[in-house]
Amino acid sequence: MFHVAISQLTMSRSELPEEIASLAGHGFECLSLWRAKLSDIGHTAAASMLTEAGIRVSSLQWAGGFTGGDGRTFAESIEDAVEAIDVAAAMGAPVLVVHSGCRGGHTRSHARRLLVHALETLAPLAGRAGVVLAVKPVHAAAAPGCSFLTRVVDALDLIDDLADPAVRMAADLWQFGDDPALPRLLPRLAAATAVVQVADRIGPPTSELERLPAGHGTLPLESLVLALIDHGYGGAFEFDAVGEAVATLGYDRVLKETRKVADAWATAVEERLLWSCAAAAVWQTAGHRLAAATVAGNGLDQRPWSGVWSGDQFRSAGSRRSQASHQIVSRG
């Protein structure tokens, strides 16, 4: 599925009624929520407004800081995360983004233990609430004071070790879109990711967090999005441009351009789906003809060939096809 959402951070100076109107005006039906903005209106009132407008919620940001780097104790961070889970459930948000917290004065191994302990404590609560905790790694260049989890592979290993369906990953393409390690990690990333955040940049990531609208930078965003879908990712793509470029362009233009980009990517997904289905049909027909020719030549009992072409090899009909061949595009 190709699900598109817009982050509240992109329209950081707008109030929720304005955000809802802007989404509707540009054909978006899904919003990623920011807790600090929700506190201004209250999550009960916000949930009512979103429901009435037919706007779905893709995620809630954020909870975490379990290493104490932001001045809170571990217990206080857990208490705040429990509250965030409750808010996410009340808002209908399937995902709560989680930040680890910085290393602080801890060894890396102890910081990891604190994060694991927090996730093991919170996962049962999240699971019962129908909320996934999506751990977000942050690039080392953008992570000072924010996160000790600075590599995608470390986040994936953490999720594998926990092996809890309520704990997955938030993949930020702005952070790691040009990481040389990313291509080989795509199968694991697609399987472990609950939400993908999309923004562009020129040059390496920095702590200034200038997140350009998609298409305004040099990251291979479209190829990464299509690759994730090819590997079976079916969650939301949250467009969350933030910074001076957004202020200069204005919210309306950013949303208009994002709509064009999202539609182009949705078309590319649809074309790949159609090509995959057509290729499978061609090979299915070829297989039947081959089987018929074999039967005619050998005098064997006729059994229709049941293989399909999966892109790089033949598989029997009993095997599972590439998930990408089943994707259905949703432009909302």
Protein backbone atom coordinates (compact mmCIF):
# COMPACT_ATOMS: atom_id res chain seq x y z
CA MET A 1 0.00 0.00 0.00
CA PHE A 2 1.14 3.57 -0.61
CA HIS A 3 -0.21 5.61 2.30
CA VAL A 4 0.75 9.28 2.52
CA ALA A 5 0.70 11.45 5.64
CA ILE A 6 1.78 15.00 6.43
CA SER A 7 3.52 15.86 9.69
CA GLN A 8 2.20 18.61 11.92
CA LEU A 9 5.79 19.84 12.13
CA THR A 10 5.63 20.88 8.48
CA MET A 11 2.84 23.31 9.39
CA SER A 12 4.36 24.14 12.76
CA ARG A 13 2.76 27.60 13.08
CA SER A 14 -0.74 26.51 12.10
CA GLU A 15 -3.48 25.47 14.49
CA LEU A 16 -5.24 22.13 14.01
CA PRO A 17 -8.33 23.57 12.24
CA GLU A 18 -6.02 25.27 9.71
CA GLU A 19 -4.03 22.07 9.28
CA ILE A 20 -7.19 20.07 8.61
CA ALA A 21 -8.34 22.62 6.02
CA SER A 22 -4.93 22.59 4.34
CA LEU A 23 -4.87 18.79 4.16
CA ALA A 24 -8.34 18.69 2.65
CA GLY A 25 -7.44 21.39 0.14
CA HIS A 26 -4.56 19.31 -1.19
CA GLY A 27 -6.19 15.90 -1.03
CA PHE A 28 -4.40 14.49 2.01
CA GLU A 29 -6.29 12.32 4.48
CA CYS A 30 -3.68 11.44 7.08
CA LEU A 31 -1.73 13.46 9.67
CA SER A 32 1.26 12.71 11.88
CA LEU A 33 0.69 14.34 15.27
CA TRP A 34 3.10 16.15 17.57
CA ARG A 35 2.41 15.92 21.30
CA ALA A 36 3.46 19.49 22.03
CA LYS A 37 0.91 20.80 19.52
CA LEU A 38 -1.81 18.49 20.83
CA SER A 39 -1.34 19.86 24.32
CA ASP A 40 -2.55 23.26 23.10
CA ILE A 41 -5.97 21.96 22.18
CA GLY A 42 -6.26 18.76 24.21
CA HIS A 43 -6.28 15.30 22.69
CA THR A 44 -10.00 14.73 23.26
CA ALA A 45 -10.99 17.83 21.31
CA ALA A 46 -8.36 17.09 18.66
CA ALA A 47 -9.62 13.53 18.20
CA SER A 48 -13.16 14.81 17.73
CA MET A 49 -12.06 17.38 15.13
CA LEU A 50 -10.03 14.85 13.16
CA THR A 51 -12.80 12.27 13.20
CA GLU A 52 -15.37 14.79 12.02
CA ALA A 53 -13.05 15.84 9.16
CA GLY A 54 -12.30 12.23 8.18
CA ILE A 55 -8.58 12.66 8.85
CA ARG A 56 -6.69 9.56 9.96
CA VAL A 57 -3.60 9.62 12.19
CA SER A 58 -0.42 7.87 11.09
CA SER A 59 1.70 8.34 14.22
CA LEU A 60 2.23 10.32 17.39
CA GLN A 61 5.59 11.87 18.28
CA TRP A 62 7.24 11.27 20.62
CA ALA A 63 8.17 9.52 23.88
CA GLY A 64 11.54 8.43 25.22
CA GLY A 65 14.68 9.92 26.71
CA PHE A 66 15.13 6.88 28.92
CA THR A 67 18.85 7.52 29.51
CA GLY A 68 18.21 10.67 31.55
CA GLY A 69 19.97 13.04 29.14
CA ASP A 70 17.04 15.48 29.20
CA GLY A 71 17.08 15.79 33.00
CA ARG A 72 14.24 13.37 33.74
CA THR A 73 14.67 10.22 35.75
CA PHE A 74 14.08 6.83 34.17
CA ALA A 75 10.82 6.51 36.11
CA GLU A 76 9.63 9.91 34.91
CA SER A 77 10.38 9.00 31.29
CA ILE A 78 8.45 5.75 31.68
CA GLU A 79 5.51 7.60 33.20
CA ASP A 80 5.52 10.07 30.30
CA ALA A 81 5.68 7.23 27.77
CA VAL A 82 2.68 5.52 29.40
CA GLU A 83 0.75 8.76 29.02
CA ALA A 84 1.86 8.99 25.38
CA ILE A 85 0.60 5.45 24.71
CA ASP A 86 -2.79 6.40 26.16
CA VAL A 87 -2.92 9.54 23.99
CA ALA A 88 -1.92 7.58 20.88
CA ALA A 89 -4.68 5.06 21.51
CA ALA A 90 -7.23 7.82 22.10
CA MET A 91 -6.20 9.56 18.86
CA GLY A 92 -6.33 6.36 16.83
CA ALA A 93 -2.60 6.57 16.16
CA PRO A 94 -1.24 3.09 15.39
CA VAL A 95 2.37 4.19 16.02
CA LEU A 96 4.16 6.04 18.82
CA VAL A 97 7.64 7.17 17.80
CA VAL A 98 10.25 6.52 20.49
CA HIS A 99 13.64 8.23 20.96
CA SER A 100 16.26 6.44 22.99
CA GLY A 101 17.81 9.47 24.65
CA CYS A 102 21.47 10.42 24.46
CA ARG A 103 24.32 8.39 25.89
CA GLY A 104 24.97 10.98 28.60
CA GLY A 105 27.42 9.73 31.19
CA HIS A 106 26.59 6.07 30.54
CA THR A 107 28.59 3.50 28.69
CA ARG A 108 26.94 2.59 25.39
CA SER A 109 26.08 -0.87 26.67
CA HIS A 110 24.37 0.56 29.76
CA ALA A 111 22.46 3.10 27.69
CA ARG A 112 21.23 0.21 25.55
CA ARG A 113 20.20 -1.73 28.65
CA LEU A 114 18.14 1.23 29.85
CA LEU A 115 16.38 1.44 26.47
CA VAL A 116 15.73 -2.30 26.42
CA HIS A 117 14.35 -2.19 29.96
CA ALA A 118 12.05 0.68 29.01
CA LEU A 119 10.76 -1.07 25.91
CA GLU A 120 10.20 -4.34 27.77
CA THR A 121 8.22 -2.40 30.37
CA LEU A 122 6.15 -0.47 27.85
CA ALA A 123 5.57 -3.07 25.12
CA PRO A 124 2.83 -5.00 26.96
CA LEU A 125 0.95 -1.75 27.63
CA ALA A 126 1.33 -0.66 24.02
CA GLY A 127 0.27 -4.05 22.70
CA ARG A 128 -2.93 -4.01 24.74
CA ALA A 129 -3.65 -0.48 23.51
CA GLY A 130 -3.10 -1.42 19.88
CA VAL A 131 -0.10 0.89 19.58
CA VAL A 132 3.30 0.03 18.10
CA LEU A 133 6.41 1.57 19.67
CA ALA A 134 8.60 2.67 16.75
CA VAL A 135 12.21 3.20 17.84
CA LYS A 136 13.87 5.94 15.79
CA PRO A 137 17.64 5.91 15.18
CA VAL A 138 19.18 9.33 14.60
CA HIS A 139 22.27 10.01 12.48
CA ALA A 140 25.37 10.73 14.56
CA ALA A 141 25.75 14.18 12.96
CA ALA A 142 22.24 15.11 14.09
CA ALA A 143 22.22 13.18 17.37
CA PRO A 144 24.20 15.17 19.98
CA GLY A 145 22.01 15.39 23.07
CA CYS A 146 19.31 13.38 21.34
CA SER A 147 20.17 9.73 20.77
CA PHE A 148 22.86 7.13 21.28
CA LEU A 149 21.18 4.94 18.67
CA THR A 150 22.95 6.33 15.61
CA ARG A 151 22.99 3.46 13.11
CA VAL A 152 20.12 1.71 11.32
CA VAL A 153 21.69 -1.70 11.88
CA ASP A 154 21.86 -1.11 15.65
CA ALA A 155 18.15 -0.30 15.75
CA LEU A 156 17.35 -3.40 13.67
CA ASP A 157 19.45 -5.59 15.95
CA LEU A 158 17.67 -4.15 18.98
CA ILE A 159 14.26 -4.93 17.48
CA ASP A 160 15.36 -8.44 16.52
CA ASP A 161 16.65 -9.07 20.05
CA LEU A 162 13.38 -7.91 21.64
CA ALA A 163 11.29 -9.96 19.19
CA ASP A 164 8.09 -8.23 20.30
CA PRO A 165 5.48 -7.25 17.69
CA ALA A 166 4.75 -4.10 19.68
CA VAL A 167 8.30 -2.83 19.12
CA ARG A 168 9.35 -1.83 15.62
CA MET A 169 11.27 0.99 13.95
CA ALA A 170 10.70 4.50 12.62
CA ALA A 171 12.86 4.91 9.51
CA ASP A 172 13.80 8.51 8.70
CA LEU A 173 15.07 8.81 5.13
CA TRP A 174 16.40 12.30 5.88
CA GLN A 175 18.73 10.75 8.43
CA PHE A 176 19.93 7.74 6.45
CA GLY A 177 18.77 8.09 2.84
CA ASP A 178 22.34 8.10 1.49
CA ASP A 179 23.82 5.68 4.01
CA PRO A 180 25.99 3.18 2.05
CA ALA A 181 24.77 0.39 4.35
CA LEU A 182 21.10 1.01 3.57
CA PRO A 183 20.71 -1.02 0.33
CA ARG A 184 21.78 -4.29 1.93
CA LEU A 185 19.56 -3.60 4.94
CA LEU A 186 16.39 -2.93 2.92
CA PRO A 187 14.80 -6.38 3.40
CA ARG A 188 15.25 -6.17 7.18
CA LEU A 189 14.22 -2.52 7.22
CA ALA A 190 10.99 -3.15 5.31
CA ALA A 191 10.07 -5.98 7.66
CA ALA A 192 10.88 -4.12 10.88
CA THR A 193 9.59 -0.62 10.09
CA ALA A 194 6.27 0.75 11.30
CA VAL A 195 6.51 4.23 9.75
CA VAL A 196 8.79 5.96 7.22
CA GLN A 197 9.55 9.67 7.51
CA VAL A 198 10.40 11.51 4.29
CA ALA A 199 12.37 14.74 3.83
CA ASP A 200 15.18 15.78 1.51
CA ARG A 201 18.53 17.47 2.03
CA ILE A 202 21.65 18.69 0.28
CA GLY A 203 24.86 17.48 1.82
CA PRO A 204 25.17 15.45 5.02
CA PRO A 205 22.68 15.67 7.89
CA THR A 206 23.41 18.27 10.55
CA SER A 207 22.03 19.24 13.93
CA GLU A 208 20.36 22.27 12.30
CA LEU A 209 17.70 19.88 10.95
CA GLU A 210 16.97 21.68 7.70
CA ARG A 211 14.54 19.15 6.25
CA LEU A 212 13.77 20.08 2.65
CA PRO A 213 10.58 19.12 0.82
CA ALA A 214 10.97 15.97 -1.27
CA GLY A 215 12.56 16.84 -4.60
CA HIS A 216 14.43 19.90 -3.29
CA GLY A 217 17.55 17.95 -2.35
CA THR A 218 19.77 15.17 -3.60
CA LEU A 219 18.58 12.10 -1.70
CA PRO A 220 17.33 9.15 -3.82
CA LEU A 221 13.96 9.26 -2.09
CA GLU A 222 11.80 7.79 -4.84
CA SER A 223 14.06 4.79 -5.39
CA LEU A 224 14.19 4.14 -1.64
CA VAL A 225 10.41 4.38 -1.30
CA LEU A 226 9.85 2.00 -4.20
CA ALA A 227 12.48 -0.41 -2.88
CA LEU A 228 10.85 -0.50 0.55
CA ILE A 229 7.48 -1.26 -1.04
CA ASP A 230 9.08 -3.92 -3.24
CA HIS A 231 10.38 -5.57 -0.07
CA GLY A 232 6.92 -5.61 1.49
CA TYR A 233 6.64 -2.39 3.50
CA GLY A 234 2.99 -1.37 3.75
CA GLY A 235 2.92 1.42 6.33
CA ALA A 236 2.65 5.18 6.01
CA PHE A 237 5.12 7.54 4.38
CA GLU A 238 5.12 10.72 6.45
CA PHE A 239 6.31 13.81 4.62
CA ASP A 240 7.83 16.09 7.25
CA ALA A 241 9.77 18.95 5.68
CA VAL A 242 10.84 21.47 8.34
CA GLY A 243 13.04 24.54 8.31
CA GLU A 244 13.83 27.75 6.45
CA ALA A 245 12.93 26.34 3.04
CA VAL A 246 9.41 25.57 4.25
CA ALA A 247 9.09 29.06 5.71
CA THR A 248 10.28 30.61 2.45
CA LEU A 249 8.05 28.51 0.19
CA GLY A 250 5.02 28.71 2.43
CA TYR A 251 2.82 25.87 3.65
CA ASP A 252 0.47 25.96 0.66
CA ARG A 253 3.24 25.57 -1.89
CA VAL A 254 4.96 22.84 0.11
CA LEU A 255 1.74 20.84 0.33
CA LYS A 256 1.01 21.42 -3.36
CA GLU A 257 4.46 20.18 -4.37
CA THR A 258 4.25 17.26 -1.95
CA ARG A 259 0.94 16.23 -3.49
CA LYS A 260 2.60 16.12 -6.93
CA VAL A 261 5.51 14.08 -5.62
CA ALA A 262 3.24 11.66 -3.76
CA ASP A 263 1.05 11.20 -6.84
CA ALA A 264 4.09 10.54 -9.02
CA TRP A 265 5.38 7.93 -6.59
CA ALA A 266 1.93 6.35 -6.33
CA THR A 267 1.83 6.09 -10.12
CA ALA A 268 5.25 4.45 -10.12
CA VAL A 269 4.05 1.93 -7.54
CA GLU A 270 0.96 1.21 -9.62
CA GLU A 271 3.01 0.74 -12.78
CA ARG A 272 5.32 -1.70 -11.02
CA LEU A 273 2.30 -3.62 -9.77
CA LEU A 274 0.81 -3.81 -13.27
CA TRP A 275 4.15 -4.86 -14.74
CA SER A 276 4.56 -7.55 -12.08
CA CYS A 277 1.08 -8.92 -12.71
CA ALA A 278 1.59 -8.85 -16.48
CA ALA A 279 4.96 -10.60 -16.19
CA ALA A 280 3.44 -13.27 -13.96
CA ALA A 281 0.63 -13.81 -16.48
CA VAL A 282 3.10 -14.15 -19.36
CA TRP A 283 5.17 -16.70 -17.54
CA GLN A 284 2.08 -18.56 -16.39
CA THR A 285 0.93 -18.84 -20.02
CA ALA A 286 4.41 -19.88 -21.15
CA GLY A 287 4.46 -22.51 -18.44
CA HIS A 288 1.17 -24.00 -19.55
CA ARG A 289 2.39 -24.15 -23.14
CA LEU A 290 5.62 -25.78 -22.04
CA ALA A 291 3.70 -28.33 -20.00
CA ALA A 292 1.39 -29.08 -22.93
CA ALA A 293 4.33 -29.54 -25.26
CA THR A 294 6.00 -31.85 -22.76
CA VAL A 295 2.84 -33.91 -22.40
CA ALA A 296 2.44 -34.17 -26.17
CA GLY A 297 6.03 -35.23 -26.60
CA ASN A 298 6.23 -37.68 -23.72
CA GLY A 299 2.72 -39.03 -23.53
CA LEU A 300 2.46 -38.08 -19.85
CA ASP A 301 -0.69 -37.28 -17.90
CA GLN A 302 -1.38 -33.59 -18.47
CA ARG A 303 -0.81 -31.43 -15.39
CA PRO A 304 -0.85 -27.66 -15.87
CA TRP A 305 2.38 -25.91 -14.95
CA SER A 306 1.82 -23.88 -11.82
CA GLY A 307 4.94 -21.80 -11.54
CA VAL A 308 5.17 -18.00 -11.46
CA TRP A 309 7.99 -15.65 -12.26
CA SER A 310 9.02 -13.70 -9.18
CA GLY A 311 11.46 -11.33 -10.85
CA ASP A 312 14.64 -13.34 -10.45
CA GLN A 313 13.58 -16.97 -10.27
CA PHE A 314 10.77 -19.41 -10.83
CA ARG A 315 8.63 -20.35 -7.85
CA SER A 316 5.87 -22.88 -7.60
CA ALA A 317 2.33 -21.69 -7.04
CA GLY A 318 2.61 -23.00 -3.50
CA SER A 319 5.39 -20.54 -2.78
CA ARG A 320 4.69 -17.02 -1.60
CA ARG A 321 5.00 -14.37 -4.28
CA SER A 322 6.89 -11.18 -3.79
CA GLN A 323 4.70 -9.00 -1.60
CA ALA A 324 5.25 -6.09 -3.96
CA SER A 325 3.17 -7.86 -6.62
CA HIS A 326 0.14 -7.55 -4.36
CA GLN A 327 0.46 -3.88 -3.45
CA ILE A 328 -2.61 -1.70 -3.98
CA VAL A 329 -2.07 2.01 -4.28
CA SER A 330 -3.92 4.29 -1.88
CA ARG A 331 -3.48 8.01 -2.57
CA GLY A 332 -4.35 9.33 0.84
